[in-house]
Amino acid sequence: METPRLITPQGATIFLTPELYQAVINIVAFDQPKLELSREEKLAMIREMRGKYRSEPSLTQALLEERAAERAREEARIQRWMATS
């Protein structure tokens, strides 16, 4: 059997071990079937992930506060503009 090799875009040849060749094939194989999940499986996955990335302080709360402050700044800018018009 011929030694597996990978040819780079620059034309260099890299010889691969059979294990590395199989790993590369697994990465670049596009014709593998997509994993189709049922609605129940998707919901179970969502429930399982809920809270997994929770942190203190709450990033969601920080985002909501930042957006509220941004809206307040925008409203103040509009009020200043309307007062000068």
PDB file of N, CA and C in Angstrom:
ATOM      1  N   MET A   1       0.837  -1.180   0.000  1.00  0.00           N
ATOM      2  CA  MET A   1       0.000   0.000   0.000  1.00  0.00           C
ATOM      3  C   MET A   1       0.881   1.241   0.000  1.00  0.00           C
ATOM      4  N   GLU A   2       0.485   2.214  -0.778  1.00  0.00           N
ATOM      5  CA  GLU A   2       1.235   3.464  -0.867  1.00  0.00           C
ATOM      6  C   GLU A   2       1.039   4.281   0.404  1.00  0.00           C
ATOM      7  N   THR A   3       2.069   5.015   0.827  1.00  0.00           N
ATOM      8  CA  THR A   3       1.989   5.850   2.021  1.00  0.00           C
ATOM      9  C   THR A   3       1.052   7.019   1.753  1.00  0.00           C
ATOM     10  N   PRO A   4       0.079   7.246   2.638  1.00  0.00           N
ATOM     11  CA  PRO A   4      -0.820   8.392   2.447  1.00  0.00           C
ATOM     12  C   PRO A   4      -0.037   9.685   2.506  1.00  0.00           C
ATOM     13  N   ARG A   5      -0.470  10.641   1.706  1.00  0.00           N
ATOM     14  CA  ARG A   5       0.210  11.933   1.704  1.00  0.00           C
ATOM     15  C   ARG A   5      -0.803  13.041   1.520  1.00  0.00           C
ATOM     16  N   LEU A   6      -0.427  14.200   1.990  1.00  0.00           N
ATOM     17  CA  LEU A   6      -1.242  15.393   1.890  1.00  0.00           C
ATOM     18  C   LEU A   6      -0.423  16.412   1.115  1.00  0.00           C
ATOM     19  N   ILE A   7      -1.031  16.999   0.103  1.00  0.00           N
ATOM     20  CA  ILE A   7      -0.340  18.016  -0.689  1.00  0.00           C
ATOM     21  C   ILE A   7      -0.932  19.368  -0.312  1.00  0.00           C
ATOM     22  N   THR A   8      -0.099  20.259   0.179  1.00  0.00           N
ATOM     23  CA  THR A   8      -0.545  21.575   0.634  1.00  0.00           C
ATOM     24  C   THR A   8      -0.835  22.481  -0.557  1.00  0.00           C
ATOM     25  N   PRO A   9      -1.545  23.589  -0.337  1.00  0.00           N
ATOM     26  CA  PRO A   9      -1.793  24.545  -1.426  1.00  0.00           C
ATOM     27  C   PRO A   9      -0.504  25.094  -2.037  1.00  0.00           C
ATOM     28  N   GLN A  10       0.593  25.086  -1.255  1.00  0.00           N
ATOM     29  CA  GLN A  10       1.871  25.567  -1.777  1.00  0.00           C
ATOM     30  C   GLN A  10       2.609  24.486  -2.554  1.00  0.00           C
ATOM     31  N   GLY A  11       2.075  23.272  -2.579  1.00  0.00           N
ATOM     32  CA  GLY A  11       2.676  22.189  -3.338  1.00  0.00           C
ATOM     33  C   GLY A  11       3.581  21.272  -2.541  1.00  0.00           C
ATOM     34  N   ALA A  12       3.737  21.533  -1.265  1.00  0.00           N
ATOM     35  CA  ALA A  12       4.576  20.675  -0.432  1.00  0.00           C
ATOM     36  C   ALA A  12       3.835  19.366  -0.149  1.00  0.00           C
ATOM     37  N   THR A  13       4.573  18.293  -0.047  1.00  0.00           N
ATOM     38  CA  THR A  13       3.999  16.985   0.246  1.00  0.00           C
ATOM     39  C   THR A  13       4.298  16.605   1.678  1.00  0.00           C
ATOM     40  N   ILE A  14       3.247  16.209   2.400  1.00  0.00           N
ATOM     41  CA  ILE A  14       3.397  15.768   3.784  1.00  0.00           C
ATOM     42  C   ILE A  14       2.962  14.308   3.822  1.00  0.00           C
ATOM     43  N   PHE A  15       3.851  13.424   4.246  1.00  0.00           N
ATOM     44  CA  PHE A  15       3.514  12.011   4.356  1.00  0.00           C
ATOM     45  C   PHE A  15       2.832  11.773   5.696  1.00  0.00           C
ATOM     46  N   LEU A  16       1.759  11.015   5.687  1.00  0.00           N
ATOM     47  CA  LEU A  16       0.933  10.806   6.871  1.00  0.00           C
ATOM     48  C   LEU A  16       0.992   9.361   7.346  1.00  0.00           C
ATOM     49  N   THR A  17       0.919   9.202   8.655  1.00  0.00           N
ATOM     50  CA  THR A  17       0.756   7.859   9.205  1.00  0.00           C
ATOM     51  C   THR A  17      -0.679   7.429   8.928  1.00  0.00           C
ATOM     52  N   PRO A  18      -0.971   6.150   8.937  1.00  0.00           N
ATOM     53  CA  PRO A  18      -2.356   5.715   8.706  1.00  0.00           C
ATOM     54  C   PRO A  18      -3.345   6.324   9.708  1.00  0.00           C
ATOM     55  N   GLU A  19      -2.940   6.483  10.964  1.00  0.00           N
ATOM     56  CA  GLU A  19      -3.819   7.066  11.973  1.00  0.00           C
ATOM     57  C   GLU A  19      -4.108   8.540  11.662  1.00  0.00           C
ATOM     58  N   LEU A  20      -3.069   9.279  11.301  1.00  0.00           N
ATOM     59  CA  LEU A  20      -3.240  10.689  10.972  1.00  0.00           C
ATOM     60  C   LEU A  20      -4.058  10.844   9.697  1.00  0.00           C
ATOM     61  N   TYR A  21      -3.842   9.958   8.730  1.00  0.00           N
ATOM     62  CA  TYR A  21      -4.623   9.986   7.496  1.00  0.00           C
ATOM     63  C   TYR A  21      -6.111   9.814   7.807  1.00  0.00           C
ATOM     64  N   GLN A  22      -6.446   8.866   8.679  1.00  0.00           N
ATOM     65  CA  GLN A  22      -7.846   8.639   9.033  1.00  0.00           C
ATOM     66  C   GLN A  22      -8.427   9.853   9.756  1.00  0.00           C
ATOM     67  N   ALA A  23      -7.632  10.494  10.607  1.00  0.00           N
ATOM     68  CA  ALA A  23      -8.093  11.694  11.301  1.00  0.00           C
ATOM     69  C   ALA A  23      -8.386  12.818  10.312  1.00  0.00           C
ATOM     70  N   VAL A  24      -7.525  12.994   9.315  1.00  0.00           N
ATOM     71  CA  VAL A  24      -7.745  14.012   8.292  1.00  0.00           C
ATOM     72  C   VAL A  24      -8.999  13.693   7.486  1.00  0.00           C
ATOM     73  N   ILE A  25      -9.184  12.439   7.124  1.00  0.00           N
ATOM     74  CA  ILE A  25     -10.372  12.035   6.373  1.00  0.00           C
ATOM     75  C   ILE A  25     -11.631  12.355   7.172  1.00  0.00           C
ATOM     76  N   ASN A  26     -11.618  12.094   8.475  1.00  0.00           N
ATOM     77  CA  ASN A  26     -12.780  12.382   9.315  1.00  0.00           C
ATOM     78  C   ASN A  26     -13.087  13.869   9.368  1.00  0.00           C
ATOM     79  N   ILE A  27     -12.057  14.701   9.317  1.00  0.00           N
ATOM     80  CA  ILE A  27     -12.255  16.148   9.366  1.00  0.00           C
ATOM     81  C   ILE A  27     -12.834  16.662   8.050  1.00  0.00           C
ATOM     82  N   VAL A  28     -12.336  16.196   6.930  1.00  0.00           N
ATOM     83  CA  VAL A  28     -12.734  16.768   5.642  1.00  0.00           C
ATOM     84  C   VAL A  28     -13.870  16.020   4.951  1.00  0.00           C
ATOM     85  N   ALA A  29     -14.365  14.968   5.556  1.00  0.00           N
ATOM     86  CA  ALA A  29     -15.456  14.208   4.924  1.00  0.00           C
ATOM     87  C   ALA A  29     -16.750  15.005   5.029  1.00  0.00           C
ATOM     88  N   PHE A  30     -17.221  15.516   3.894  1.00  0.00           N
ATOM     89  CA  PHE A  30     -18.431  16.326   3.866  1.00  0.00           C
ATOM     90  C   PHE A  30     -19.679  15.504   3.569  1.00  0.00           C
ATOM     91  N   ASP A  31     -19.509  14.280   3.121  1.00  0.00           N
ATOM     92  CA  ASP A  31     -20.658  13.497   2.705  1.00  0.00           C
ATOM     93  C   ASP A  31     -21.257  12.669   3.837  1.00  0.00           C
ATOM     94  N   GLN A  32     -20.836  12.933   5.073  1.00  0.00           N
ATOM     95  CA  GLN A  32     -21.404  12.215   6.191  1.00  0.00           C
ATOM     96  C   GLN A  32     -22.818  12.727   6.443  1.00  0.00           C
ATOM     97  N   PRO A  33     -23.731  11.850   6.798  1.00  0.00           N
ATOM     98  CA  PRO A  33     -25.110  12.292   7.024  1.00  0.00           C
ATOM     99  C   PRO A  33     -25.201  13.239   8.217  1.00  0.00           C
ATOM    100  N   LYS A  34     -26.089  14.206   8.110  1.00  0.00           N
ATOM    101  CA  LYS A  34     -26.321  15.158   9.189  1.00  0.00           C
ATOM    102  C   LYS A  34     -27.110  14.464  10.290  1.00  0.00           C
ATOM    103  N   LEU A  35     -26.833  14.830  11.506  1.00  0.00           N
ATOM    104  CA  LEU A  35     -27.546  14.275  12.641  1.00  0.00           C
ATOM    105  C   LEU A  35     -28.904  14.948  12.718  1.00  0.00           C
ATOM    106  N   GLU A  36     -29.963  14.190  12.545  1.00  0.00           N
ATOM    107  CA  GLU A  36     -31.320  14.711  12.617  1.00  0.00           C
ATOM    108  C   GLU A  36     -31.903  14.369  13.975  1.00  0.00           C
ATOM    109  N   LEU A  37     -32.286  15.387  14.715  1.00  0.00           N
ATOM    110  CA  LEU A  37     -32.856  15.178  16.035  1.00  0.00           C
ATOM    111  C   LEU A  37     -34.353  15.442  15.993  1.00  0.00           C
ATOM    112  N   SER A  38     -35.098  14.673  16.763  1.00  0.00           N
ATOM    113  CA  SER A  38     -36.530  14.921  16.871  1.00  0.00           C
ATOM    114  C   SER A  38     -36.745  16.147  17.740  1.00  0.00           C
ATOM    115  N   ARG A  39     -37.951  16.677  17.722  1.00  0.00           N
ATOM    116  CA  ARG A  39     -38.280  17.850  18.526  1.00  0.00           C
ATOM    117  C   ARG A  39     -38.022  17.558  20.004  1.00  0.00           C
ATOM    118  N   GLU A  40     -38.411  16.373  20.447  1.00  0.00           N
ATOM    119  CA  GLU A  40     -38.223  15.998  21.844  1.00  0.00           C
ATOM    120  C   GLU A  40     -36.735  15.931  22.200  1.00  0.00           C
ATOM    121  N   GLU A  41     -35.917  15.405  21.306  1.00  0.00           N
ATOM    122  CA  GLU A  41     -34.481  15.330  21.547  1.00  0.00           C
ATOM    123  C   GLU A  41     -33.861  16.722  21.612  1.00  0.00           C
ATOM    124  N   LYS A  42     -34.318  17.628  20.737  1.00  0.00           N
ATOM    125  CA  LYS A  42     -33.810  19.004  20.752  1.00  0.00           C
ATOM    126  C   LYS A  42     -34.177  19.695  22.058  1.00  0.00           C
ATOM    127  N   LEU A  43     -35.443  19.521  22.491  1.00  0.00           N
ATOM    128  CA  LEU A  43     -35.871  20.142  23.738  1.00  0.00           C
ATOM    129  C   LEU A  43     -35.101  19.578  24.928  1.00  0.00           C
ATOM    130  N   ALA A  44     -34.851  18.268  24.920  1.00  0.00           N
ATOM    131  CA  ALA A  44     -34.071  17.654  25.994  1.00  0.00           C
ATOM    132  C   ALA A  44     -32.657  18.228  26.022  1.00  0.00           C
ATOM    133  N   MET A  45     -32.073  18.447  24.860  1.00  0.00           N
ATOM    134  CA  MET A  45     -30.726  19.013  24.778  1.00  0.00           C
ATOM    135  C   MET A  45     -30.725  20.443  25.320  1.00  0.00           C
ATOM    136  N   ILE A  46     -31.755  21.210  24.980  1.00  0.00           N
ATOM    137  CA  ILE A  46     -31.853  22.587  25.472  1.00  0.00           C
ATOM    138  C   ILE A  46     -31.989  22.594  26.989  1.00  0.00           C
ATOM    139  N   ARG A  47     -32.848  21.725  27.524  1.00  0.00           N
ATOM    140  CA  ARG A  47     -33.024  21.650  28.973  1.00  0.00           C
ATOM    141  C   ARG A  47     -31.719  21.267  29.669  1.00  0.00           C
ATOM    142  N   GLU A  48     -30.991  20.360  29.054  1.00  0.00           N
ATOM    143  CA  GLU A  48     -29.720  19.920  29.632  1.00  0.00           C
ATOM    144  C   GLU A  48     -28.700  21.056  29.658  1.00  0.00           C
ATOM    145  N   MET A  49     -28.717  21.912  28.647  1.00  0.00           N
ATOM    146  CA  MET A  49     -27.736  22.991  28.540  1.00  0.00           C
ATOM    147  C   MET A  49     -28.125  24.218  29.367  1.00  0.00           C
ATOM    148  N   ARG A  50     -29.395  24.313  29.762  1.00  0.00           N
ATOM    149  CA  ARG A  50     -29.865  25.491  30.479  1.00  0.00           C
ATOM    150  C   ARG A  50     -29.045  25.701  31.749  1.00  0.00           C
ATOM    151  N   GLY A  51     -28.499  26.899  31.895  1.00  0.00           N
ATOM    152  CA  GLY A  51     -27.725  27.236  33.077  1.00  0.00           C
ATOM    153  C   GLY A  51     -26.287  26.751  33.060  1.00  0.00           C
ATOM    154  N   LYS A  52     -25.897  26.053  32.030  1.00  0.00           N
ATOM    155  CA  LYS A  52     -24.548  25.478  31.995  1.00  0.00           C
ATOM    156  C   LYS A  52     -23.469  26.558  32.023  1.00  0.00           C
ATOM    157  N   TYR A  53     -23.740  27.685  31.389  1.00  0.00           N
ATOM    158  CA  TYR A  53     -22.738  28.742  31.298  1.00  0.00           C
ATOM    159  C   TYR A  53     -23.089  29.924  32.205  1.00  0.00           C
ATOM    160  N   ARG A  54     -23.856  29.657  33.253  1.00  0.00           N
ATOM    161  CA  ARG A  54     -24.248  30.688  34.194  1.00  0.00           C
ATOM    162  C   ARG A  54     -23.008  31.214  34.901  1.00  0.00           C
ATOM    163  N   SER A  55     -23.011  32.513  35.136  1.00  0.00           N
ATOM    164  CA  SER A  55     -21.883  33.109  35.847  1.00  0.00           C
ATOM    165  C   SER A  55     -22.396  34.217  36.756  1.00  0.00           C
ATOM    166  N   GLU A  56     -21.570  34.622  37.644  1.00  0.00           N
ATOM    167  CA  GLU A  56     -21.881  35.753  38.520  1.00  0.00           C
ATOM    168  C   GLU A  56     -20.873  36.834  38.221  1.00  0.00           C
ATOM    169  N   PRO A  57     -21.243  38.032  37.954  1.00  0.00           N
ATOM    170  CA  PRO A  57     -22.615  38.503  37.822  1.00  0.00           C
ATOM    171  C   PRO A  57     -23.244  37.996  36.525  1.00  0.00           C
ATOM    172  N   SER A  58     -24.544  38.091  36.454  1.00  0.00           N
ATOM    173  CA  SER A  58     -25.286  37.604  35.300  1.00  0.00           C
ATOM    174  C   SER A  58     -24.940  38.430  34.061  1.00  0.00           C
ATOM    175  N   LEU A  59     -24.477  37.756  33.030  1.00  0.00           N
ATOM    176  CA  LEU A  59     -24.147  38.463  31.782  1.00  0.00           C
ATOM    177  C   LEU A  59     -25.412  38.961  31.095  1.00  0.00           C
ATOM    178  N   THR A  60     -26.506  38.211  31.219  1.00  0.00           N
ATOM    179  CA  THR A  60     -27.777  38.648  30.626  1.00  0.00           C
ATOM    180  C   THR A  60     -28.251  39.919  31.304  1.00  0.00           C
ATOM    181  N   GLN A  61     -28.181  39.960  32.627  1.00  0.00           N
ATOM    182  CA  GLN A  61     -28.600  41.155  33.352  1.00  0.00           C
ATOM    183  C   GLN A  61     -27.707  42.339  32.982  1.00  0.00           C
ATOM    184  N   ALA A  62     -26.415  42.110  32.866  1.00  0.00           N
ATOM    185  CA  ALA A  62     -25.491  43.183  32.483  1.00  0.00           C
ATOM    186  C   ALA A  62     -25.826  43.707  31.089  1.00  0.00           C
ATOM    187  N   LEU A  63     -26.174  42.802  30.170  1.00  0.00           N
ATOM    188  CA  LEU A  63     -26.545  43.218  28.818  1.00  0.00           C
ATOM    189  C   LEU A  63     -27.825  44.038  28.841  1.00  0.00           C
ATOM    190  N   LEU A  64     -28.833  43.596  29.608  1.00  0.00           N
ATOM    191  CA  LEU A  64     -30.081  44.356  29.700  1.00  0.00           C
ATOM    192  C   LEU A  64     -29.843  45.740  30.285  1.00  0.00           C
ATOM    193  N   GLU A  65     -28.999  45.841  31.310  1.00  0.00           N
ATOM    194  CA  GLU A  65     -28.683  47.141  31.904  1.00  0.00           C
ATOM    195  C   GLU A  65     -27.949  48.036  30.908  1.00  0.00           C
ATOM    196  N   GLU A  66     -27.025  47.455  30.152  1.00  0.00           N
ATOM    197  CA  GLU A  66     -26.292  48.227  29.145  1.00  0.00           C
ATOM    198  C   GLU A  66     -27.232  48.753  28.072  1.00  0.00           C
ATOM    199  N   ARG A  67     -28.162  47.928  27.632  1.00  0.00           N
ATOM    200  CA  ARG A  67     -29.131  48.363  26.618  1.00  0.00           C
ATOM    201  C   ARG A  67     -30.048  49.450  27.151  1.00  0.00           C
ATOM    202  N   ALA A  68     -30.470  49.338  28.414  1.00  0.00           N
ATOM    203  CA  ALA A  68     -31.318  50.374  29.013  1.00  0.00           C
ATOM    204  C   ALA A  68     -30.564  51.701  29.076  1.00  0.00           C
ATOM    205  N   ALA A  69     -29.300  51.658  29.471  1.00  0.00           N
ATOM    206  CA  ALA A  69     -28.490  52.876  29.528  1.00  0.00           C
ATOM    207  C   ALA A  69     -28.306  53.462  28.135  1.00  0.00           C
ATOM    208  N   GLU A  70     -28.108  52.599  27.151  1.00  0.00           N
ATOM    209  CA  GLU A  70     -27.957  53.069  25.772  1.00  0.00           C
ATOM    210  C   GLU A  70     -29.234  53.743  25.281  1.00  0.00           C
ATOM    211  N   ARG A  71     -30.387  53.139  25.598  1.00  0.00           N
ATOM    212  CA  ARG A  71     -31.660  53.756  25.212  1.00  0.00           C
ATOM    213  C   ARG A  71     -31.840  55.102  25.901  1.00  0.00           C
ATOM    214  N   ALA A  72     -31.451  55.211  27.163  1.00  0.00           N
ATOM    215  CA  ALA A  72     -31.562  56.477  27.895  1.00  0.00           C
ATOM    216  C   ALA A  72     -30.677  57.545  27.264  1.00  0.00           C
ATOM    217  N   ARG A  73     -29.447  57.168  26.892  1.00  0.00           N
ATOM    218  CA  ARG A  73     -28.550  58.131  26.227  1.00  0.00           C
ATOM    219  C   ARG A  73     -29.140  58.591  24.896  1.00  0.00           C
ATOM    220  N   GLU A  74     -29.700  57.656  24.135  1.00  0.00           N
ATOM    221  CA  GLU A  74     -30.292  57.994  22.837  1.00  0.00           C
ATOM    222  C   GLU A  74     -31.492  58.928  23.028  1.00  0.00           C
ATOM    223  N   GLU A  75     -32.322  58.616  24.022  1.00  0.00           N
ATOM    224  CA  GLU A  75     -33.486  59.461  24.294  1.00  0.00           C
ATOM    225  C   GLU A  75     -33.051  60.868  24.702  1.00  0.00           C
ATOM    226  N   ALA A  76     -32.009  60.966  25.543  1.00  0.00           N
ATOM    227  CA  ALA A  76     -31.501  62.279  25.958  1.00  0.00           C
ATOM    228  C   ALA A  76     -30.959  63.041  24.754  1.00  0.00           C
ATOM    229  N   ARG A  77     -30.278  62.359  23.864  1.00  0.00           N
ATOM    230  CA  ARG A  77     -29.748  63.012  22.667  1.00  0.00           C
ATOM    231  C   ARG A  77     -30.885  63.523  21.782  1.00  0.00           C
ATOM    232  N   ILE A  78     -31.939  62.747  21.653  1.00  0.00           N
ATOM    233  CA  ILE A  78     -33.100  63.176  20.847  1.00  0.00           C
ATOM    234  C   ILE A  78     -33.761  64.387  21.498  1.00  0.00           C
ATOM    235  N   GLN A  79     -33.895  64.354  22.832  1.00  0.00           N
ATOM    236  CA  GLN A  79     -34.509  65.489  23.536  1.00  0.00           C
ATOM    237  C   GLN A  79     -33.674  66.757  23.365  1.00  0.00           C
ATOM    238  N   ARG A  80     -32.341  66.635  23.447  1.00  0.00           N
ATOM    239  CA  ARG A  80     -31.476  67.806  23.219  1.00  0.00           C
ATOM    240  C   ARG A  80     -31.628  68.330  21.811  1.00  0.00           C
ATOM    241  N   TRP A  81     -31.701  67.435  20.859  1.00  0.00           N
ATOM    242  CA  TRP A  81     -31.834  67.839  19.457  1.00  0.00           C
ATOM    243  C   TRP A  81     -33.167  68.546  19.238  1.00  0.00           C
ATOM    244  N   MET A  82     -34.236  68.014  19.839  1.00  0.00           N
ATOM    245  CA  MET A  82     -35.552  68.622  19.674  1.00  0.00           C
ATOM    246  C   MET A  82     -35.612  69.992  20.368  1.00  0.00           C
ATOM    247  N   ALA A  83     -34.871  70.141  21.462  1.00  0.00           N
ATOM    248  CA  ALA A  83     -34.874  71.425  22.181  1.00  0.00           C
ATOM    249  C   ALA A  83     -34.159  72.513  21.382  1.00  0.00           C
ATOM    250  N   THR A  84     -33.177  72.118  20.570  1.00  0.00           N
ATOM    251  CA  THR A  84     -32.430  73.107  19.785  1.00  0.00           C
ATOM    252  C   THR A  84     -33.092  73.392  18.451  1.00  0.00           C
ATOM    253  N   SER A  85     -34.037  72.587  18.025  1.00  0.00           N
ATOM    254  CA  SER A  85     -34.685  72.771  16.719  1.00  0.00           C
ATOM    255  C   SER A  85     -35.792  73.776  16.778  1.00  0.00           C
TER     256      SER A  85
END
